[in-house]
Every structure is written in C-alpha cells, then in structure tokens.
Amino acid sequence: MSLKNGTPTMKDVAREAGVALGTVSKVVNGIPVGEDYKSRVDRAIAKLNYQVNDFAKSLKIAKTLTIALIIPNIYNTFYSSIAESLNMELSKRGYRMLLCTTDRGDEQSIMTMMSQNRADGIIVLSYSTKLDFPEGLPVVSIDRRFSPDISCVSSDNYGGGQIAAAKLYALGCRRLAFLGTATDVETEVTKRRDGFVSYCRQQGISFEECFRTGADDFAPLADFLDSRIRRGKPAFDGIFAISDACGYQVMRYLSAKGLHVPEDLQLIGYDGIRKFGYFDYFCSTIVQPVEDIARACVELVLREKGTAVPSLLCLPVHFEEGGTTTPQR
C-alpha cells in the first residue's frame, strides 16, 4: 500500500485491515472487539508501522495516560523490582510510569507536583509521617494503610513470619531469633515480627528478638549478636531476618566473628531478593509476589470512579530454599 504523505493514519490501518475505522479506534484504545478483527488490525499496524498519537489520544479521553510511582529509592533491590513490574503492567495498558524517588526530596511537594502535572493516579510506597493526597486523584499504597479510602496492597507479612518460624523449626532449629529494624511509621512490614513471635509462642518454641524502630542502621543488631555469642558459639541456631538485606548484614557480621551459615546457624530472610554483593549470598527467603503486587496496584489505581475497593489487599507468600538453610530431607 502506498501512503499519500508517508505517515500511516488510522484510516490507512482500517483500509489495510479491511475493517471499519471505528474498529481500529477500539483496538487502539483497548476496547474489546472480536479476536479476528483484533488480529487483522494488529497485523495492519505492524505492517504499516502505525504509531499511536498519545498526545491526541490523551486529549480525546481527558487523561494524560500517566501514573506516578513514588518510592524511597531505586538502589534498594526490592524497590527497583517493584518499579520494574509496575512499569511493565502499566505499559500493557497503554500507560506510562513517572518515577519519583524521595530519599533526598520532600514527598509532599512531589505529591503536589503530580497533581499539577495531571497524573491520572499515584502509587506510593512511603514512610513519611504525614502526607496530604490530592483530592479526587486515585491513590494506591504499598505496605502501608493511610486511610480506609486508600487501598493498600501488601504481601501476607504476618503469614510470612509464621512460615519462617515453622520452617526453621522443621529444619531442626530449637532456639530461634528474630532480627530487624524498622521506621517509626506503622506499616504492614512489622507484621513479619508479629507472625514469627505468635507462632513461636503457640508452639512453645524458645526464641529471642531484637527489633528496633526509628533506626535503619545495623548497630543495634550488632550489639545484640555480640551479647549472644559466648566462646565462639551463638545462643540460637535459627534466625529470621526482617528482610533479605538485613539477613545479608547478619551473615556478614557472623562471618567476621568466625560463625558460618548454615553450618553454625540457619537463616531465613524476607522479600525474595536473595542475591547481594558479588552473589556470595543466596539466601533462603520468604518470597513476596512482586508481579502480583504490581498487577493489583495497577488494577486498583485504574479502577472506574465509584468502584468499591478493599482497604487492604493481602497477597500470599511462600518459602524458597537457598544457601542459608540446610536442605530438608
């Protein structure tokens, strides 16, 4: 097919596909049509290298087709994996993701900027003590409940803590410990500790814990570990770390003290990141369903106005073995 101006239009696609112009419009805008029609339009678009005019499309539907993601940083592997999965899910629906990190910025000013730039919604993972969300703009939170009107998507942190305690016990550990730090802001993440403690108490398993809020450095955990090592032997034989990153720090510290994982004690992390440094650490972990979390966030932030939404959507987790536990026979 020869094109008059060299740039294919929607009419050219309709002519090439042998369908009505309205059918092409539906396919381009993600409106369901018959599979045969969709296939023909998709083939014509590929053949003609037709490019959708996103600006014109956004004007027509009164949307910018942009969703803002606000997260602390992207050097944390879990945050970056969340960002990647969200970007992929939004792309599937014809949306772009605008990434904003807040480690060195004011979250509230970023929130205001997103509203002024007419983002169609916000997905936020925040530890800020106070945030005012733009009125009328869909907001979805990860791992933190702000209010009943803002949906929170999280993994089953409480269940994950129980799974970790049960797994360590099943692997022969009889003296357990929970180690972790957290911000002062209450989030779903602290339920990892709650689930672990609850399971140990219910089953009569001996355990200790070192859990500090308001601090994200390793010093309190190092002091705790020092106080529990006597004559080169630890007071416990199984550790559940609040995150894989925390577990990595614990393992490196123990190694410096001449203790080895999993020979001297076994360790389970949380998140499913597993690898750090030069891949010298491949931990057993409670895996978060990152892709499912991203999919749920996107579905909620793009929901139709007036649609009832859950205040908390909790997704299941599972255990995966790595090099920090002894393989179960």
Protein backbone atom coordinates (compact mmCIF):
# COMPACT_ATOMS: atom_id res chain seq x y z
CA MET A 1 0.00 0.00 0.00
CA SER A 2 1.36 3.44 -0.91
CA LEU A 3 0.75 6.23 1.57
CA LYS A 4 -0.03 9.76 0.45
CA ASN A 5 2.14 11.58 2.97
CA GLY A 6 4.40 8.73 4.02
CA THR A 7 2.96 8.62 7.55
CA PRO A 8 0.26 5.99 8.12
CA THR A 9 -3.02 7.12 9.62
CA MET A 10 -5.81 5.25 11.33
CA LYS A 11 -7.69 5.31 8.03
CA ASP A 12 -4.75 3.60 6.33
CA VAL A 13 -4.79 0.89 9.01
CA ALA A 14 -8.54 0.38 8.52
CA ARG A 15 -8.08 0.09 4.75
CA GLU A 16 -5.18 -2.37 5.09
CA ALA A 17 -7.06 -4.50 7.64
CA GLY A 18 -10.33 -4.38 5.71
CA VAL A 19 -12.29 -3.17 8.74
CA ALA A 20 -14.24 -0.07 9.75
CA LEU A 21 -12.40 2.94 11.13
CA GLY A 22 -14.30 2.51 14.40
CA THR A 23 -12.89 -0.99 14.80
CA VAL A 24 -9.33 0.33 14.55
CA SER A 25 -10.17 3.01 17.11
CA LYS A 26 -11.45 0.37 19.54
CA VAL A 27 -8.34 -1.78 19.18
CA VAL A 28 -6.00 1.20 19.63
CA ASN A 29 -7.90 2.30 22.75
CA GLY A 30 -8.03 -1.16 24.28
CA ILE A 31 -11.77 -1.66 23.81
CA PRO A 32 -12.68 -5.34 23.23
CA VAL A 33 -13.52 -6.43 19.68
CA GLY A 34 -13.75 -9.84 18.01
CA GLU A 35 -10.48 -11.76 18.01
CA ASP A 36 -10.40 -11.95 14.21
CA TYR A 37 -10.85 -8.18 13.89
CA LYS A 38 -8.18 -7.52 16.52
CA SER A 39 -5.70 -9.81 14.76
CA ARG A 40 -6.29 -8.11 11.43
CA VAL A 41 -5.84 -4.65 12.92
CA ASP A 42 -2.70 -5.70 14.82
CA ARG A 43 -1.18 -7.12 11.63
CA ALA A 44 -2.00 -3.94 9.71
CA ILE A 45 -0.50 -1.75 12.45
CA ALA A 46 2.71 -3.82 12.38
CA LYS A 47 2.90 -3.83 8.58
CA LEU A 48 2.38 -0.07 8.23
CA ASN A 49 4.39 0.77 11.35
CA TYR A 50 1.48 2.87 12.57
CA GLN A 51 2.28 4.91 15.70
CA VAL A 52 -0.46 5.92 18.10
CA ASN A 53 -0.52 9.66 18.78
CA ASP A 54 -0.56 9.51 22.58
CA PHE A 55 -0.99 13.27 22.93
CA ALA A 56 -4.08 13.35 20.73
CA LYS A 57 -5.39 10.24 22.43
CA SER A 58 -4.97 11.79 25.88
CA LEU A 59 -6.80 14.94 24.81
CA LYS A 60 -9.69 12.88 23.48
CA ILE A 61 -10.15 10.85 26.64
CA ALA A 62 -9.23 13.72 29.03
CA LYS A 63 -6.36 11.75 30.57
CA THR A 64 -2.58 12.01 30.45
CA LEU A 65 -2.16 8.21 30.49
CA THR A 66 0.49 8.70 33.17
CA ILE A 67 0.67 7.12 36.63
CA ALA A 68 3.15 8.43 39.18
CA LEU A 69 5.15 5.99 41.30
CA ILE A 70 6.59 7.47 44.48
CA ILE A 71 9.17 5.28 46.26
CA PRO A 72 12.10 5.99 48.62
CA ASN A 73 14.85 4.99 46.15
CA ILE A 74 15.78 2.52 43.43
CA TYR A 75 19.10 1.26 44.81
CA ASN A 76 17.13 -0.97 47.20
CA THR A 77 16.63 -4.10 45.10
CA PHE A 78 13.09 -4.70 46.31
CA TYR A 79 12.02 -1.15 45.40
CA SER A 80 13.60 -1.43 41.96
CA SER A 81 11.88 -4.77 41.31
CA ILE A 82 8.53 -3.22 42.29
CA ALA A 83 9.20 -0.28 39.95
CA GLU A 84 10.09 -2.56 37.04
CA SER A 85 7.00 -4.72 37.48
CA LEU A 86 4.72 -1.68 37.78
CA ASN A 87 6.20 -0.16 34.63
CA MET A 88 5.53 -3.38 32.72
CA GLU A 89 1.94 -3.65 33.98
CA LEU A 90 1.18 -0.03 33.11
CA SER A 91 2.74 -0.40 29.68
CA LYS A 92 0.45 -3.33 28.93
CA ARG A 93 -2.49 -0.97 29.47
CA GLY A 94 -1.09 1.87 27.38
CA TYR A 95 0.07 3.95 30.35
CA ARG A 96 3.43 5.49 31.16
CA MET A 97 5.03 5.47 34.61
CA LEU A 98 6.53 8.61 36.09
CA LEU A 99 9.10 7.57 38.70
CA CYS A 100 9.78 9.82 41.69
CA THR A 101 12.23 8.94 44.48
CA THR A 102 12.04 10.65 47.86
CA ASP A 103 15.26 9.84 49.72
CA ARG A 104 16.51 13.38 49.07
CA GLY A 105 13.27 15.19 48.43
CA ASP A 106 10.05 16.37 50.01
CA GLU A 107 7.31 13.82 49.42
CA GLN A 108 4.53 16.36 49.85
CA SER A 109 5.93 18.69 47.19
CA ILE A 110 6.28 15.70 44.85
CA MET A 111 2.67 14.78 45.55
CA THR A 112 1.57 18.31 44.69
CA MET A 113 3.66 18.32 41.53
CA MET A 114 2.00 15.09 40.37
CA SER A 115 -1.42 16.68 40.77
CA GLN A 116 -0.39 19.85 38.93
CA ASN A 117 1.02 17.80 36.06
CA ARG A 118 -2.28 15.94 35.83
CA ALA A 119 -1.11 12.42 36.55
CA ASP A 120 -4.08 10.07 36.34
CA GLY A 121 -3.18 8.38 39.63
CA ILE A 122 -0.48 7.76 42.20
CA ILE A 123 1.06 4.54 43.52
CA VAL A 124 3.05 5.28 46.66
CA LEU A 125 5.42 3.42 48.96
CA SER A 126 6.12 5.93 51.70
CA TYR A 127 7.34 6.15 55.29
CA SER A 128 6.50 9.84 55.67
CA THR A 129 4.71 10.66 58.92
CA LYS A 130 2.17 12.88 57.18
CA LEU A 131 1.01 13.10 53.59
CA ASP A 132 -1.90 15.04 52.10
CA PHE A 133 -3.14 13.37 48.94
CA PRO A 134 -4.60 15.41 46.04
CA GLU A 135 -8.38 15.40 46.21
CA GLY A 136 -10.10 13.33 43.55
CA LEU A 137 -6.91 11.60 42.38
CA PRO A 138 -6.81 7.78 42.69
CA VAL A 139 -4.11 6.67 45.13
CA VAL A 140 -2.89 3.17 45.97
CA SER A 141 -0.39 2.47 48.72
CA ILE A 142 2.11 -0.38 49.05
CA ASP A 143 2.71 -1.86 52.53
CA ARG A 144 1.02 0.95 54.45
CA ARG A 145 -2.57 1.81 55.30
CA PHE A 146 -3.17 5.56 55.24
CA SER A 147 -6.98 5.55 55.47
CA PRO A 148 -9.97 3.32 54.60
CA ASP A 149 -10.38 5.32 51.36
CA ILE A 150 -6.89 4.48 50.09
CA SER A 151 -6.30 0.86 49.13
CA CYS A 152 -3.18 -0.78 50.50
CA VAL A 153 -1.58 -3.68 48.63
CA SER A 154 0.79 -5.88 50.60
CA SER A 155 2.11 -9.39 50.91
CA ASP A 156 0.98 -11.56 53.81
CA ASN A 157 3.68 -10.35 56.18
CA TYR A 158 2.11 -11.97 59.25
CA GLY A 159 1.78 -15.30 57.47
CA GLY A 160 5.34 -14.96 56.18
CA GLY A 161 6.64 -14.62 59.72
CA GLN A 162 4.78 -17.76 60.73
CA ILE A 163 6.13 -19.67 57.73
CA ALA A 164 9.70 -18.64 58.61
CA ALA A 165 9.38 -19.81 62.23
CA ALA A 166 7.75 -23.09 61.20
CA LYS A 167 10.40 -23.75 58.55
CA LEU A 168 13.32 -23.11 60.90
CA TYR A 169 11.79 -25.46 63.45
CA ALA A 170 11.16 -28.12 60.80
CA LEU A 171 14.85 -27.84 59.81
CA GLY A 172 15.90 -28.76 63.34
CA CYS A 173 16.40 -25.31 64.90
CA ARG A 174 15.27 -25.20 68.54
CA ARG A 175 16.48 -21.77 69.69
CA LEU A 176 15.23 -19.08 67.34
CA ALA A 177 15.80 -15.35 67.00
CA PHE A 178 14.10 -12.53 65.12
CA LEU A 179 16.28 -9.61 63.98
CA GLY A 180 15.19 -6.41 62.32
CA THR A 181 14.89 -2.64 62.23
CA ALA A 182 12.00 -0.51 61.01
CA THR A 183 10.88 3.10 60.75
CA ASP A 184 8.68 4.73 63.39
CA VAL A 185 5.80 4.70 60.90
CA GLU A 186 3.45 1.75 61.34
CA THR A 187 3.43 -0.42 58.21
CA GLU A 188 2.47 -3.94 57.23
CA VAL A 189 6.16 -4.91 57.33
CA THR A 190 6.24 -5.05 61.14
CA LYS A 191 3.73 -7.91 60.99
CA ARG A 192 6.59 -10.18 59.94
CA ARG A 193 7.82 -10.00 63.51
CA ASP A 194 4.27 -10.45 64.89
CA GLY A 195 3.71 -13.64 62.89
CA PHE A 196 7.07 -15.08 63.93
CA VAL A 197 6.52 -14.36 67.64
CA SER A 198 2.95 -15.65 67.56
CA TYR A 199 3.97 -18.98 66.01
CA CYS A 200 6.83 -19.49 68.48
CA ARG A 201 4.57 -18.80 71.44
CA GLN A 202 1.78 -21.02 70.16
CA GLN A 203 4.17 -23.91 69.58
CA GLY A 204 6.23 -23.39 72.73
CA ILE A 205 9.42 -22.71 70.75
CA SER A 206 12.25 -20.91 72.54
CA PHE A 207 13.02 -17.56 70.89
CA GLU A 208 14.63 -14.16 71.35
CA GLU A 209 14.24 -10.97 69.38
CA CYS A 210 15.99 -7.74 68.63
CA PHE A 211 13.60 -5.34 66.92
CA ARG A 212 14.36 -1.63 66.79
CA THR A 213 12.13 1.09 65.34
CA GLY A 214 13.28 4.54 64.37
CA ALA A 215 16.67 3.29 63.23
CA ASP A 216 17.78 1.70 59.99
CA ASP A 217 21.45 1.12 60.86
CA PHE A 218 22.87 -2.23 61.87
CA ALA A 219 24.44 -1.13 65.18
CA PRO A 220 21.60 -2.32 67.50
CA LEU A 221 21.59 -5.74 65.84
CA ALA A 222 25.38 -5.99 66.05
CA ASP A 223 25.26 -5.24 69.79
CA PHE A 224 22.57 -7.88 70.24
CA LEU A 225 24.55 -10.50 68.35
CA ASP A 226 27.68 -9.68 70.35
CA SER A 227 25.81 -10.22 73.60
CA ARG A 228 24.55 -13.64 72.43
CA ILE A 229 27.89 -15.13 71.34
CA ARG A 230 29.79 -16.95 74.05
CA ARG A 231 33.11 -18.70 73.45
CA GLY A 232 32.51 -18.59 69.74
CA LYS A 233 29.05 -20.13 69.93
CA PRO A 234 25.72 -18.33 69.37
CA ALA A 235 22.84 -18.58 71.82
CA PHE A 236 20.47 -19.57 68.97
CA ASP A 237 20.59 -21.87 65.98
CA GLY A 238 17.98 -20.26 63.70
CA ILE A 239 17.46 -16.61 62.66
CA PHE A 240 14.57 -14.93 60.85
CA ALA A 241 15.68 -11.55 59.46
CA ILE A 242 13.07 -8.93 58.65
CA SER A 243 14.42 -8.65 55.09
CA ASP A 244 16.93 -10.29 52.80
CA ALA A 245 19.11 -7.18 53.07
CA CYS A 246 19.08 -7.47 56.86
CA GLY A 247 19.90 -11.17 56.56
CA TYR A 248 22.88 -10.32 54.37
CA GLN A 249 24.21 -7.94 57.02
CA VAL A 250 23.67 -10.55 59.73
CA MET A 251 25.53 -13.21 57.76
CA ARG A 252 28.49 -10.93 57.04
CA TYR A 253 28.70 -9.92 60.70
CA LEU A 254 28.58 -13.52 61.89
CA SER A 255 31.24 -14.49 59.36
CA ALA A 256 33.54 -11.82 60.78
CA LYS A 257 33.02 -13.48 64.17
CA GLY A 258 34.04 -16.86 62.79
CA LEU A 259 30.49 -18.23 62.54
CA HIS A 260 29.18 -19.77 59.35
CA VAL A 261 25.70 -20.00 57.83
CA PRO A 262 24.12 -22.57 57.64
CA GLU A 263 26.71 -24.75 59.40
CA ASP A 264 26.61 -22.96 62.78
CA LEU A 265 23.13 -21.50 62.48
CA GLN A 266 20.45 -21.25 59.80
CA LEU A 267 18.94 -18.06 58.44
CA ILE A 268 15.79 -17.05 56.54
CA GLY A 269 15.18 -13.60 55.06
CA TYR A 270 12.12 -11.92 53.58
CA ASP A 271 11.40 -10.33 50.19
CA GLY A 272 12.69 -12.80 47.62
CA ILE A 273 15.65 -10.63 46.56
CA ARG A 274 18.13 -13.27 47.68
CA LYS A 275 21.30 -12.08 45.91
CA PHE A 276 23.64 -9.31 47.09
CA GLY A 277 27.19 -8.16 46.51
CA TYR A 278 29.04 -10.44 44.12
CA PHE A 279 26.40 -13.13 44.55
CA ASP A 280 28.24 -14.58 47.54
CA TYR A 281 24.93 -14.73 49.36
CA PHE A 282 21.97 -16.68 48.06
CA CYS A 283 19.55 -16.77 50.96
CA SER A 284 16.60 -18.89 51.89
CA THR A 285 13.72 -16.45 51.93
CA ILE A 286 10.02 -15.72 52.17
CA VAL A 287 9.19 -14.61 48.64
CA GLN A 288 6.88 -11.68 48.01
CA PRO A 289 4.74 -11.96 44.84
CA VAL A 290 6.14 -8.77 43.28
CA GLU A 291 4.40 -9.19 39.92
CA ASP A 292 1.05 -9.86 41.59
CA ILE A 293 1.53 -6.82 43.85
CA ALA A 294 2.23 -4.66 40.80
CA ARG A 295 -0.77 -6.04 38.90
CA ALA A 296 -3.09 -5.40 41.85
CA CYS A 297 -1.80 -1.83 42.29
CA VAL A 298 -2.36 -1.03 38.63
CA GLU A 299 -5.85 -2.52 38.58
CA LEU A 300 -6.82 -0.52 41.66
CA VAL A 301 -5.35 2.80 40.54
CA LEU A 302 -7.04 2.49 37.11
CA ARG A 303 -10.40 1.45 38.55
CA GLU A 304 -13.58 3.20 37.48
CA LYS A 305 -14.69 6.03 39.77
CA GLY A 306 -17.20 4.91 42.35
CA THR A 307 -15.98 1.32 42.33
CA ALA A 308 -15.79 -0.25 45.78
CA VAL A 309 -12.21 -1.16 46.72
CA PRO A 310 -10.66 -3.06 49.63
CA SER A 311 -8.80 -1.09 52.29
CA LEU A 312 -6.20 -3.90 52.40
CA LEU A 313 -5.38 -6.46 49.74
CA CYS A 314 -3.08 -9.10 51.21
CA LEU A 315 -1.32 -11.45 48.77
CA PRO A 316 0.15 -14.87 49.67
CA VAL A 317 3.87 -15.53 50.13
CA HIS A 318 5.92 -18.72 50.02
CA PHE A 319 9.28 -20.09 51.16
CA GLU A 320 12.14 -20.75 48.76
CA GLU A 321 15.28 -22.56 49.80
CA GLY A 322 18.72 -21.02 49.34
CA GLY A 323 22.19 -21.37 50.74
CA THR A 324 21.43 -20.16 54.28
CA THR A 325 19.39 -23.16 55.44
CA THR A 326 20.12 -26.87 55.45
CA PRO A 327 18.14 -28.68 52.73
CA GLN A 328 15.19 -30.52 54.24
CA ARG A 329 15.26 -34.29 53.74
